[in-house]
Amino acid sequence: MRAPQDCRNMAELRTEIDALDGRIIELLARRVAYIDRAAELKPAEGLPARIDSRVEEVVQRVRSRAETEGFDPVLAERIWRQLIDWSIAREEQTLGR
């Protein structure tokens, strides 16, 4: 990966952005695999899909990491709350079977 300041033109910059987008999707797909596994494990532990304390723990961790990385923590929280809601809905579908 090339640092943003090392990109000499828009074509190089776009190439780097596209590569990052691909890595983000790979990581999100990997996260979904963990969500699917959680849906398999939760019934044996008597856990529901949504555990509010865990949701808030994740959101606070993400906000903190965003601040450390120089990313807008408000935006990070919005993104993660949507991701969490989607993940919980996915777990509920599996748990409902």
PDB file of N, CA and C in Angstrom:
ATOM      1  N   MET A   1       0.846  -1.182   0.000  1.00  0.00           N
ATOM      2  CA  MET A   1       0.000   0.000   0.000  1.00  0.00           C
ATOM      3  C   MET A   1       0.887   1.240   0.000  1.00  0.00           C
ATOM      4  N   ARG A   2       0.458   2.149  -0.787  1.00  0.00           N
ATOM      5  CA  ARG A   2       1.164   3.414  -0.914  1.00  0.00           C
ATOM      6  C   ARG A   2       0.496   4.432   0.012  1.00  0.00           C
ATOM      7  N   ALA A   3       1.257   5.243   0.695  1.00  0.00           N
ATOM      8  CA  ALA A   3       0.714   6.297   1.557  1.00  0.00           C
ATOM      9  C   ALA A   3       0.017   7.347   0.690  1.00  0.00           C
ATOM     10  N   PRO A   4      -1.031   7.974   1.199  1.00  0.00           N
ATOM     11  CA  PRO A   4      -1.746   8.975   0.398  1.00  0.00           C
ATOM     12  C   PRO A   4      -0.822  10.057  -0.166  1.00  0.00           C
ATOM     13  N   GLN A   5       0.113  10.522   0.640  1.00  0.00           N
ATOM     14  CA  GLN A   5       1.012  11.594   0.179  1.00  0.00           C
ATOM     15  C   GLN A   5       1.976  11.115  -0.904  1.00  0.00           C
ATOM     16  N   ASP A   6       2.103   9.801  -1.077  1.00  0.00           N
ATOM     17  CA  ASP A   6       2.985   9.267  -2.109  1.00  0.00           C
ATOM     18  C   ASP A   6       2.281   9.064  -3.449  1.00  0.00           C
ATOM     19  N   CYS A   7       0.978   9.270  -3.484  1.00  0.00           N
ATOM     20  CA  CYS A   7       0.240   9.157  -4.744  1.00  0.00           C
ATOM     21  C   CYS A   7       0.498  10.422  -5.560  1.00  0.00           C
ATOM     22  N   ARG A   8       0.922  10.224  -6.795  1.00  0.00           N
ATOM     23  CA  ARG A   8       1.309  11.359  -7.635  1.00  0.00           C
ATOM     24  C   ARG A   8       0.169  11.899  -8.475  1.00  0.00           C
ATOM     25  N   ASN A   9      -0.909  11.122  -8.601  1.00  0.00           N
ATOM     26  CA  ASN A   9      -2.033  11.563  -9.420  1.00  0.00           C
ATOM     27  C   ASN A   9      -3.304  10.847  -8.956  1.00  0.00           C
ATOM     28  N   MET A  10      -4.413  11.244  -9.532  1.00  0.00           N
ATOM     29  CA  MET A  10      -5.699  10.674  -9.128  1.00  0.00           C
ATOM     30  C   MET A  10      -5.806   9.195  -9.475  1.00  0.00           C
ATOM     31  N   ALA A  11      -5.205   8.769 -10.555  1.00  0.00           N
ATOM     32  CA  ALA A  11      -5.257   7.353 -10.927  1.00  0.00           C
ATOM     33  C   ALA A  11      -4.599   6.497  -9.846  1.00  0.00           C
ATOM     34  N   GLU A  12      -3.446   6.908  -9.371  1.00  0.00           N
ATOM     35  CA  GLU A  12      -2.765   6.172  -8.303  1.00  0.00           C
ATOM     36  C   GLU A  12      -3.589   6.197  -7.016  1.00  0.00           C
ATOM     37  N   LEU A  13      -4.135   7.351  -6.697  1.00  0.00           N
ATOM     38  CA  LEU A  13      -4.949   7.492  -5.493  1.00  0.00           C
ATOM     39  C   LEU A  13      -6.173   6.581  -5.554  1.00  0.00           C
ATOM     40  N   ARG A  14      -6.847   6.568  -6.693  1.00  0.00           N
ATOM     41  CA  ARG A  14      -8.033   5.721  -6.857  1.00  0.00           C
ATOM     42  C   ARG A  14      -7.684   4.236  -6.757  1.00  0.00           C
ATOM     43  N   THR A  15      -6.529   3.861  -7.282  1.00  0.00           N
ATOM     44  CA  THR A  15      -6.085   2.475  -7.181  1.00  0.00           C
ATOM     45  C   THR A  15      -5.934   2.073  -5.723  1.00  0.00           C
ATOM     46  N   GLU A  16      -5.367   2.941  -4.924  1.00  0.00           N
ATOM     47  CA  GLU A  16      -5.183   2.656  -3.501  1.00  0.00           C
ATOM     48  C   GLU A  16      -6.529   2.591  -2.769  1.00  0.00           C
ATOM     49  N   ILE A  17      -7.431   3.505  -3.089  1.00  0.00           N
ATOM     50  CA  ILE A  17      -8.762   3.496  -2.480  1.00  0.00           C
ATOM     51  C   ILE A  17      -9.488   2.206  -2.842  1.00  0.00           C
ATOM     52  N   ASP A  18      -9.430   1.815  -4.106  1.00  0.00           N
ATOM     53  CA  ASP A  18     -10.084   0.566  -4.535  1.00  0.00           C
ATOM     54  C   ASP A  18      -9.515  -0.642  -3.798  1.00  0.00           C
ATOM     55  N   ALA A  19      -8.207  -0.654  -3.595  1.00  0.00           N
ATOM     56  CA  ALA A  19      -7.578  -1.759  -2.871  1.00  0.00           C
ATOM     57  C   ALA A  19      -8.058  -1.784  -1.417  1.00  0.00           C
ATOM     58  N   LEU A  20      -8.140  -0.615  -0.815  1.00  0.00           N
ATOM     59  CA  LEU A  20      -8.648  -0.541   0.561  1.00  0.00           C
ATOM     60  C   LEU A  20     -10.096  -1.005   0.647  1.00  0.00           C
ATOM     61  N   ASP A  21     -10.907  -0.593  -0.307  1.00  0.00           N
ATOM     62  CA  ASP A  21     -12.310  -1.027  -0.320  1.00  0.00           C
ATOM     63  C   ASP A  21     -12.391  -2.548  -0.365  1.00  0.00           C
ATOM     64  N   GLY A  22     -11.546  -3.168  -1.162  1.00  0.00           N
ATOM     65  CA  GLY A  22     -11.528  -4.626  -1.243  1.00  0.00           C
ATOM     66  C   GLY A  22     -11.152  -5.254   0.087  1.00  0.00           C
ATOM     67  N   ARG A  23     -10.181  -4.689   0.773  1.00  0.00           N
ATOM     68  CA  ARG A  23      -9.778  -5.212   2.084  1.00  0.00           C
ATOM     69  C   ARG A  23     -10.887  -5.035   3.108  1.00  0.00           C
ATOM     70  N   ILE A  24     -11.580  -3.908   3.059  1.00  0.00           N
ATOM     71  CA  ILE A  24     -12.689  -3.672   3.992  1.00  0.00           C
ATOM     72  C   ILE A  24     -13.768  -4.727   3.788  1.00  0.00           C
ATOM     73  N   ILE A  25     -14.110  -5.011   2.532  1.00  0.00           N
ATOM     74  CA  ILE A  25     -15.130  -6.028   2.247  1.00  0.00           C
ATOM     75  C   ILE A  25     -14.667  -7.398   2.739  1.00  0.00           C
ATOM     76  N   GLU A  26     -13.399  -7.738   2.517  1.00  0.00           N
ATOM     77  CA  GLU A  26     -12.872  -9.009   3.019  1.00  0.00           C
ATOM     78  C   GLU A  26     -13.042  -9.113   4.532  1.00  0.00           C
ATOM     79  N   LEU A  27     -12.724  -8.042   5.239  1.00  0.00           N
ATOM     80  CA  LEU A  27     -12.840  -8.050   6.697  1.00  0.00           C
ATOM     81  C   LEU A  27     -14.292  -8.117   7.146  1.00  0.00           C
ATOM     82  N   LEU A  28     -15.179  -7.430   6.449  1.00  0.00           N
ATOM     83  CA  LEU A  28     -16.592  -7.493   6.805  1.00  0.00           C
ATOM     84  C   LEU A  28     -17.143  -8.899   6.576  1.00  0.00           C
ATOM     85  N   ALA A  29     -16.737  -9.537   5.494  1.00  0.00           N
ATOM     86  CA  ALA A  29     -17.178 -10.907   5.226  1.00  0.00           C
ATOM     87  C   ALA A  29     -16.662 -11.845   6.325  1.00  0.00           C
ATOM     88  N   ARG A  30     -15.460 -11.625   6.756  1.00  0.00           N
ATOM     89  CA  ARG A  30     -14.897 -12.433   7.841  1.00  0.00           C
ATOM     90  C   ARG A  30     -15.672 -12.197   9.137  1.00  0.00           C
ATOM     91  N   ARG A  31     -16.052 -10.951   9.385  1.00  0.00           N
ATOM     92  CA  ARG A  31     -16.843 -10.624  10.576  1.00  0.00           C
ATOM     93  C   ARG A  31     -18.182 -11.359  10.542  1.00  0.00           C
ATOM     94  N   VAL A  32     -18.802 -11.428   9.370  1.00  0.00           N
ATOM     95  CA  VAL A  32     -20.077 -12.131   9.227  1.00  0.00           C
ATOM     96  C   VAL A  32     -19.923 -13.609   9.585  1.00  0.00           C
ATOM     97  N   ALA A  33     -18.816 -14.211   9.229  1.00  0.00           N
ATOM     98  CA  ALA A  33     -18.584 -15.609   9.585  1.00  0.00           C
ATOM     99  C   ALA A  33     -18.574 -15.784  11.106  1.00  0.00           C
ATOM    100  N   TYR A  34     -18.020 -14.810  11.824  1.00  0.00           N
ATOM    101  CA  TYR A  34     -18.034 -14.867  13.286  1.00  0.00           C
ATOM    102  C   TYR A  34     -19.446 -14.653  13.830  1.00  0.00           C
ATOM    103  N   ILE A  35     -20.201 -13.790  13.198  1.00  0.00           N
ATOM    104  CA  ILE A  35     -21.592 -13.567  13.602  1.00  0.00           C
ATOM    105  C   ILE A  35     -22.384 -14.864  13.417  1.00  0.00           C
ATOM    106  N   ASP A  36     -22.190 -15.532  12.297  1.00  0.00           N
ATOM    107  CA  ASP A  36     -22.883 -16.793  12.044  1.00  0.00           C
ATOM    108  C   ASP A  36     -22.508 -17.840  13.093  1.00  0.00           C
ATOM    109  N   ARG A  37     -21.257 -17.869  13.474  1.00  0.00           N
ATOM    110  CA  ARG A  37     -20.827 -18.821  14.511  1.00  0.00           C
ATOM    111  C   ARG A  37     -21.451 -18.457  15.856  1.00  0.00           C
ATOM    112  N   ALA A  38     -21.547 -17.170  16.152  1.00  0.00           N
ATOM    113  CA  ALA A  38     -22.185 -16.742  17.395  1.00  0.00           C
ATOM    114  C   ALA A  38     -23.626 -17.235  17.448  1.00  0.00           C
ATOM    115  N   ALA A  39     -24.320 -17.173  16.333  1.00  0.00           N
ATOM    116  CA  ALA A  39     -25.713 -17.635  16.278  1.00  0.00           C
ATOM    117  C   ALA A  39     -25.799 -19.135  16.538  1.00  0.00           C
ATOM    118  N   GLU A  40     -24.759 -19.876  16.202  1.00  0.00           N
ATOM    119  CA  GLU A  40     -24.733 -21.313  16.487  1.00  0.00           C
ATOM    120  C   GLU A  40     -24.436 -21.591  17.964  1.00  0.00           C
ATOM    121  N   LEU A  41     -23.596 -20.755  18.571  1.00  0.00           N
ATOM    122  CA  LEU A  41     -23.158 -20.987  19.946  1.00  0.00           C
ATOM    123  C   LEU A  41     -24.108 -20.437  21.003  1.00  0.00           C
ATOM    124  N   LYS A  42     -24.795 -19.351  20.695  1.00  0.00           N
ATOM    125  CA  LYS A  42     -25.629 -18.682  21.696  1.00  0.00           C
ATOM    126  C   LYS A  42     -26.714 -19.570  22.300  1.00  0.00           C
ATOM    127  N   PRO A  43     -27.429 -20.395  21.531  1.00  0.00           N
ATOM    128  CA  PRO A  43     -28.474 -21.217  22.155  1.00  0.00           C
ATOM    129  C   PRO A  43     -27.950 -22.114  23.274  1.00  0.00           C
ATOM    130  N   ALA A  44     -26.793 -22.713  23.092  1.00  0.00           N
ATOM    131  CA  ALA A  44     -26.221 -23.603  24.106  1.00  0.00           C
ATOM    132  C   ALA A  44     -25.863 -22.841  25.379  1.00  0.00           C
ATOM    133  N   GLU A  45     -25.607 -21.547  25.242  1.00  0.00           N
ATOM    134  CA  GLU A  45     -25.263 -20.728  26.397  1.00  0.00           C
ATOM    135  C   GLU A  45     -26.461 -19.926  26.904  1.00  0.00           C
ATOM    136  N   GLY A  46     -27.621 -20.136  26.270  1.00  0.00           N
ATOM    137  CA  GLY A  46     -28.831 -19.441  26.693  1.00  0.00           C
ATOM    138  C   GLY A  46     -28.802 -17.944  26.445  1.00  0.00           C
ATOM    139  N   LEU A  47     -28.112 -17.543  25.406  1.00  0.00           N
ATOM    140  CA  LEU A  47     -27.968 -16.119  25.113  1.00  0.00           C
ATOM    141  C   LEU A  47     -28.874 -15.694  23.969  1.00  0.00           C
ATOM    142  N   PRO A  48     -29.457 -14.492  24.065  1.00  0.00           N
ATOM    143  CA  PRO A  48     -30.267 -13.964  22.971  1.00  0.00           C
ATOM    144  C   PRO A  48     -29.362 -13.347  21.902  1.00  0.00           C
ATOM    145  N   ALA A  49     -29.964 -13.026  20.764  1.00  0.00           N
ATOM    146  CA  ALA A  49     -29.205 -12.375  19.700  1.00  0.00           C
ATOM    147  C   ALA A  49     -28.698 -11.010  20.154  1.00  0.00           C
ATOM    148  N   ARG A  50     -29.563 -10.222  20.788  1.00  0.00           N
ATOM    149  CA  ARG A  50     -29.178  -8.877  21.236  1.00  0.00           C
ATOM    150  C   ARG A  50     -28.863  -8.903  22.720  1.00  0.00           C
ATOM    151  N   ILE A  51     -27.667  -8.450  23.029  1.00  0.00           N
ATOM    152  CA  ILE A  51     -27.246  -8.263  24.416  1.00  0.00           C
ATOM    153  C   ILE A  51     -26.809  -6.797  24.506  1.00  0.00           C
ATOM    154  N   ASP A  52     -27.686  -5.974  25.049  1.00  0.00           N
ATOM    155  CA  ASP A  52     -27.465  -4.526  25.017  1.00  0.00           C
ATOM    156  C   ASP A  52     -26.119  -4.107  25.598  1.00  0.00           C
ATOM    157  N   SER A  53     -25.703  -4.724  26.687  1.00  0.00           N
ATOM    158  CA  SER A  53     -24.419  -4.353  27.288  1.00  0.00           C
ATOM    159  C   SER A  53     -23.267  -4.637  26.324  1.00  0.00           C
ATOM    160  N   ARG A  54     -23.360  -5.723  25.574  1.00  0.00           N
ATOM    161  CA  ARG A  54     -22.324  -6.060  24.592  1.00  0.00           C
ATOM    162  C   ARG A  54     -22.334  -5.074  23.433  1.00  0.00           C
ATOM    163  N   VAL A  55     -23.535  -4.680  22.995  1.00  0.00           N
ATOM    164  CA  VAL A  55     -23.640  -3.690  21.916  1.00  0.00           C
ATOM    165  C   VAL A  55     -22.908  -2.416  22.322  1.00  0.00           C
ATOM    166  N   GLU A  56     -23.179  -1.932  23.530  1.00  0.00           N
ATOM    167  CA  GLU A  56     -22.557  -0.683  23.985  1.00  0.00           C
ATOM    168  C   GLU A  56     -21.053  -0.836  24.169  1.00  0.00           C
ATOM    169  N   GLU A  57     -20.616  -2.005  24.615  1.00  0.00           N
ATOM    170  CA  GLU A  57     -19.187  -2.278  24.754  1.00  0.00           C
ATOM    171  C   GLU A  57     -18.495  -2.197  23.389  1.00  0.00           C
ATOM    172  N   VAL A  58     -19.094  -2.813  22.388  1.00  0.00           N
ATOM    173  CA  VAL A  58     -18.522  -2.789  21.040  1.00  0.00           C
ATOM    174  C   VAL A  58     -18.479  -1.366  20.503  1.00  0.00           C
ATOM    175  N   VAL A  59     -19.575  -0.637  20.660  1.00  0.00           N
ATOM    176  CA  VAL A  59     -19.639   0.735  20.149  1.00  0.00           C
ATOM    177  C   VAL A  59     -18.579   1.609  20.818  1.00  0.00           C
ATOM    178  N   GLN A  60     -18.429   1.494  22.119  1.00  0.00           N
ATOM    179  CA  GLN A  60     -17.419   2.301  22.814  1.00  0.00           C
ATOM    180  C   GLN A  60     -16.012   1.936  22.377  1.00  0.00           C
ATOM    181  N   ARG A  61     -15.762   0.654  22.160  1.00  0.00           N
ATOM    182  CA  ARG A  61     -14.442   0.217  21.694  1.00  0.00           C
ATOM    183  C   ARG A  61     -14.161   0.789  20.295  1.00  0.00           C
ATOM    184  N   VAL A  62     -15.170   0.765  19.438  1.00  0.00           N
ATOM    185  CA  VAL A  62     -15.012   1.287  18.086  1.00  0.00           C
ATOM    186  C   VAL A  62     -14.789   2.803  18.111  1.00  0.00           C
ATOM    187  N   ARG A  63     -15.541   3.499  18.931  1.00  0.00           N
ATOM    188  CA  ARG A  63     -15.355   4.955  19.045  1.00  0.00           C
ATOM    189  C   ARG A  63     -13.932   5.286  19.504  1.00  0.00           C
ATOM    190  N   SER A  64     -13.461   4.548  20.489  1.00  0.00           N
ATOM    191  CA  SER A  64     -12.118   4.782  21.013  1.00  0.00           C
ATOM    192  C   SER A  64     -11.060   4.518  19.946  1.00  0.00           C
ATOM    193  N   ARG A  65     -11.223   3.421  19.227  1.00  0.00           N
ATOM    194  CA  ARG A  65     -10.267   3.092  18.159  1.00  0.00           C
ATOM    195  C   ARG A  65     -10.309   4.145  17.056  1.00  0.00           C
ATOM    196  N   ALA A  66     -11.517   4.608  16.733  1.00  0.00           N
ATOM    197  CA  ALA A  66     -11.653   5.647  15.706  1.00  0.00           C
ATOM    198  C   ALA A  66     -10.887   6.899  16.118  1.00  0.00           C
ATOM    199  N   GLU A  67     -11.047   7.299  17.351  1.00  0.00           N
ATOM    200  CA  GLU A  67     -10.332   8.493  17.840  1.00  0.00           C
ATOM    201  C   GLU A  67      -8.828   8.296  17.750  1.00  0.00           C
ATOM    202  N   THR A  68      -8.360   7.123  18.140  1.00  0.00           N
ATOM    203  CA  THR A  68      -6.925   6.817  18.088  1.00  0.00           C
ATOM    204  C   THR A  68      -6.401   6.889  16.657  1.00  0.00           C
ATOM    205  N   GLU A  69      -7.215   6.426  15.707  1.00  0.00           N
ATOM    206  CA  GLU A  69      -6.802   6.376  14.302  1.00  0.00           C
ATOM    207  C   GLU A  69      -7.056   7.679  13.552  1.00  0.00           C
ATOM    208  N   GLY A  70      -7.655   8.673  14.227  1.00  0.00           N
ATOM    209  CA  GLY A  70      -7.948   9.944  13.563  1.00  0.00           C
ATOM    210  C   GLY A  70      -9.184   9.881  12.679  1.00  0.00           C
ATOM    211  N   PHE A  71     -10.092   8.957  12.991  1.00  0.00           N
ATOM    212  CA  PHE A  71     -11.340   8.801  12.243  1.00  0.00           C
ATOM    213  C   PHE A  71     -12.468   9.366  13.094  1.00  0.00           C
ATOM    214  N   ASP A  72     -13.448   9.959  12.452  1.00  0.00           N
ATOM    215  CA  ASP A  72     -14.564  10.579  13.150  1.00  0.00           C
ATOM    216  C   ASP A  72     -15.312   9.529  13.995  1.00  0.00           C
ATOM    217  N   PRO A  73     -15.275   9.645  15.334  1.00  0.00           N
ATOM    218  CA  PRO A  73     -15.930   8.643  16.174  1.00  0.00           C
ATOM    219  C   PRO A  73     -17.450   8.631  16.034  1.00  0.00           C
ATOM    220  N   VAL A  74     -18.041   9.761  15.708  1.00  0.00           N
ATOM    221  CA  VAL A  74     -19.491   9.809  15.511  1.00  0.00           C
ATOM    222  C   VAL A  74     -19.877   8.990  14.275  1.00  0.00           C
ATOM    223  N   LEU A  75     -19.124   9.170  13.210  1.00  0.00           N
ATOM    224  CA  LEU A  75     -19.372   8.387  11.996  1.00  0.00           C
ATOM    225  C   LEU A  75     -19.123   6.905  12.259  1.00  0.00           C
ATOM    226  N   ALA A  76     -18.051   6.588  12.962  1.00  0.00           N
ATOM    227  CA  ALA A  76     -17.745   5.191  13.279  1.00  0.00           C
ATOM    228  C   ALA A  76     -18.899   4.571  14.062  1.00  0.00           C
ATOM    229  N   GLU A  77     -19.422   5.303  15.029  1.00  0.00           N
ATOM    230  CA  GLU A  77     -20.538   4.782  15.814  1.00  0.00           C
ATOM    231  C   GLU A  77     -21.758   4.536  14.939  1.00  0.00           C
ATOM    232  N   ARG A  78     -22.065   5.470  14.056  1.00  0.00           N
ATOM    233  CA  ARG A  78     -23.223   5.294  13.160  1.00  0.00           C
ATOM    234  C   ARG A  78     -23.059   4.051  12.292  1.00  0.00           C
ATOM    235  N   ILE A  79     -21.898   3.896  11.722  1.00  0.00           N
ATOM    236  CA  ILE A  79     -21.628   2.740  10.863  1.00  0.00           C
ATOM    237  C   ILE A  79     -21.772   1.460  11.672  1.00  0.00           C
ATOM    238  N   TRP A  80     -21.159   1.422  12.848  1.00  0.00           N
ATOM    239  CA  TRP A  80     -21.179   0.197  13.641  1.00  0.00           C
ATOM    240  C   TRP A  80     -22.562  -0.126  14.187  1.00  0.00           C
ATOM    241  N   ARG A  81     -23.331   0.881  14.546  1.00  0.00           N
ATOM    242  CA  ARG A  81     -24.686   0.589  15.022  1.00  0.00           C
ATOM    243  C   ARG A  81     -25.511  -0.054  13.892  1.00  0.00           C
ATOM    244  N   GLN A  82     -25.327   0.410  12.674  1.00  0.00           N
ATOM    245  CA  GLN A  82     -26.021  -0.227  11.551  1.00  0.00           C
ATOM    246  C   GLN A  82     -25.519  -1.656  11.353  1.00  0.00           C
ATOM    247  N   LEU A  83     -24.215  -1.830  11.418  1.00  0.00           N
ATOM    248  CA  LEU A  83     -23.624  -3.149  11.263  1.00  0.00           C
ATOM    249  C   LEU A  83     -24.109  -4.096  12.365  1.00  0.00           C
ATOM    250  N   ILE A  84     -24.158  -3.611  13.580  1.00  0.00           N
ATOM    251  CA  ILE A  84     -24.629  -4.422  14.705  1.00  0.00           C
ATOM    252  C   ILE A  84     -26.095  -4.783  14.533  1.00  0.00           C
ATOM    253  N   ASP A  85     -26.921  -3.817  14.161  1.00  0.00           N
ATOM    254  CA  ASP A  85     -28.347  -4.099  13.949  1.00  0.00           C
ATOM    255  C   ASP A  85     -28.534  -5.160  12.866  1.00  0.00           C
ATOM    256  N   TRP A  86     -27.792  -5.041  11.782  1.00  0.00           N
ATOM    257  CA  TRP A  86     -27.864  -6.028  10.703  1.00  0.00           C
ATOM    258  C   TRP A  86     -27.421  -7.401  11.221  1.00  0.00           C
ATOM    259  N   SER A  87     -26.342  -7.417  12.000  1.00  0.00           N
ATOM    260  CA  SER A  87     -25.811  -8.672  12.529  1.00  0.00           C
ATOM    261  C   SER A  87     -26.809  -9.343  13.464  1.00  0.00           C
ATOM    262  N   ILE A  88     -27.453  -8.558  14.311  1.00  0.00           N
ATOM    263  CA  ILE A  88     -28.441  -9.105  15.239  1.00  0.00           C
ATOM    264  C   ILE A  88     -29.631  -9.670  14.474  1.00  0.00           C
ATOM    265  N   ALA A  89     -30.078  -8.962  13.471  1.00  0.00           N
ATOM    266  CA  ALA A  89     -31.186  -9.466  12.645  1.00  0.00           C
ATOM    267  C   ALA A  89     -30.787 -10.788  11.992  1.00  0.00           C
ATOM    268  N   ARG A  90     -29.560 -10.900  11.533  1.00  0.00           N
ATOM    269  CA  ARG A  90     -29.072 -12.139  10.916  1.00  0.00           C
ATOM    270  C   ARG A  90     -29.058 -13.270  11.957  1.00  0.00           C
ATOM    271  N   GLU A  91     -28.575 -12.953  13.165  1.00  0.00           N
ATOM    272  CA  GLU A  91     -28.567 -13.959  14.231  1.00  0.00           C
ATOM    273  C   GLU A  91     -29.985 -14.392  14.575  1.00  0.00           C
ATOM    274  N   GLU A  92     -30.906 -13.431  14.655  1.00  0.00           N
ATOM    275  CA  GLU A  92     -32.289 -13.756  15.000  1.00  0.00           C
ATOM    276  C   GLU A  92     -32.913 -14.697  13.974  1.00  0.00           C
ATOM    277  N   GLN A  93     -32.573 -14.541  12.711  1.00  0.00           N
ATOM    278  CA  GLN A  93     -33.073 -15.453  11.679  1.00  0.00           C
ATOM    279  C   GLN A  93     -32.582 -16.871  11.955  1.00  0.00           C
ATOM    280  N   THR A  94     -31.317 -16.994  12.301  1.00  0.00           N
ATOM    281  CA  THR A  94     -30.736 -18.310  12.569  1.00  0.00           C
ATOM    282  C   THR A  94     -31.310 -18.890  13.868  1.00  0.00           C
ATOM    283  N   LEU A  95     -31.407 -18.066  14.894  1.00  0.00           N
ATOM    284  CA  LEU A  95     -31.926 -18.541  16.176  1.00  0.00           C
ATOM    285  C   LEU A  95     -33.399 -18.916  16.095  1.00  0.00           C
ATOM    286  N   GLY A  96     -34.122 -18.291  15.168  1.00  0.00           N
ATOM    287  CA  GLY A  96     -35.532 -18.564  15.010  1.00  0.00           C
ATOM    288  C   GLY A  96     -35.820 -19.897  14.344  1.00  0.00           C
ATOM    289  N   ARG A  97     -34.808 -20.497  13.726  1.00  0.00           N
ATOM    290  CA  ARG A  97     -35.002 -21.778  13.034  1.00  0.00           C
ATOM    291  C   ARG A  97     -35.159 -22.917  14.009  1.00  0.00           C
TER     292      ARG A  97
END
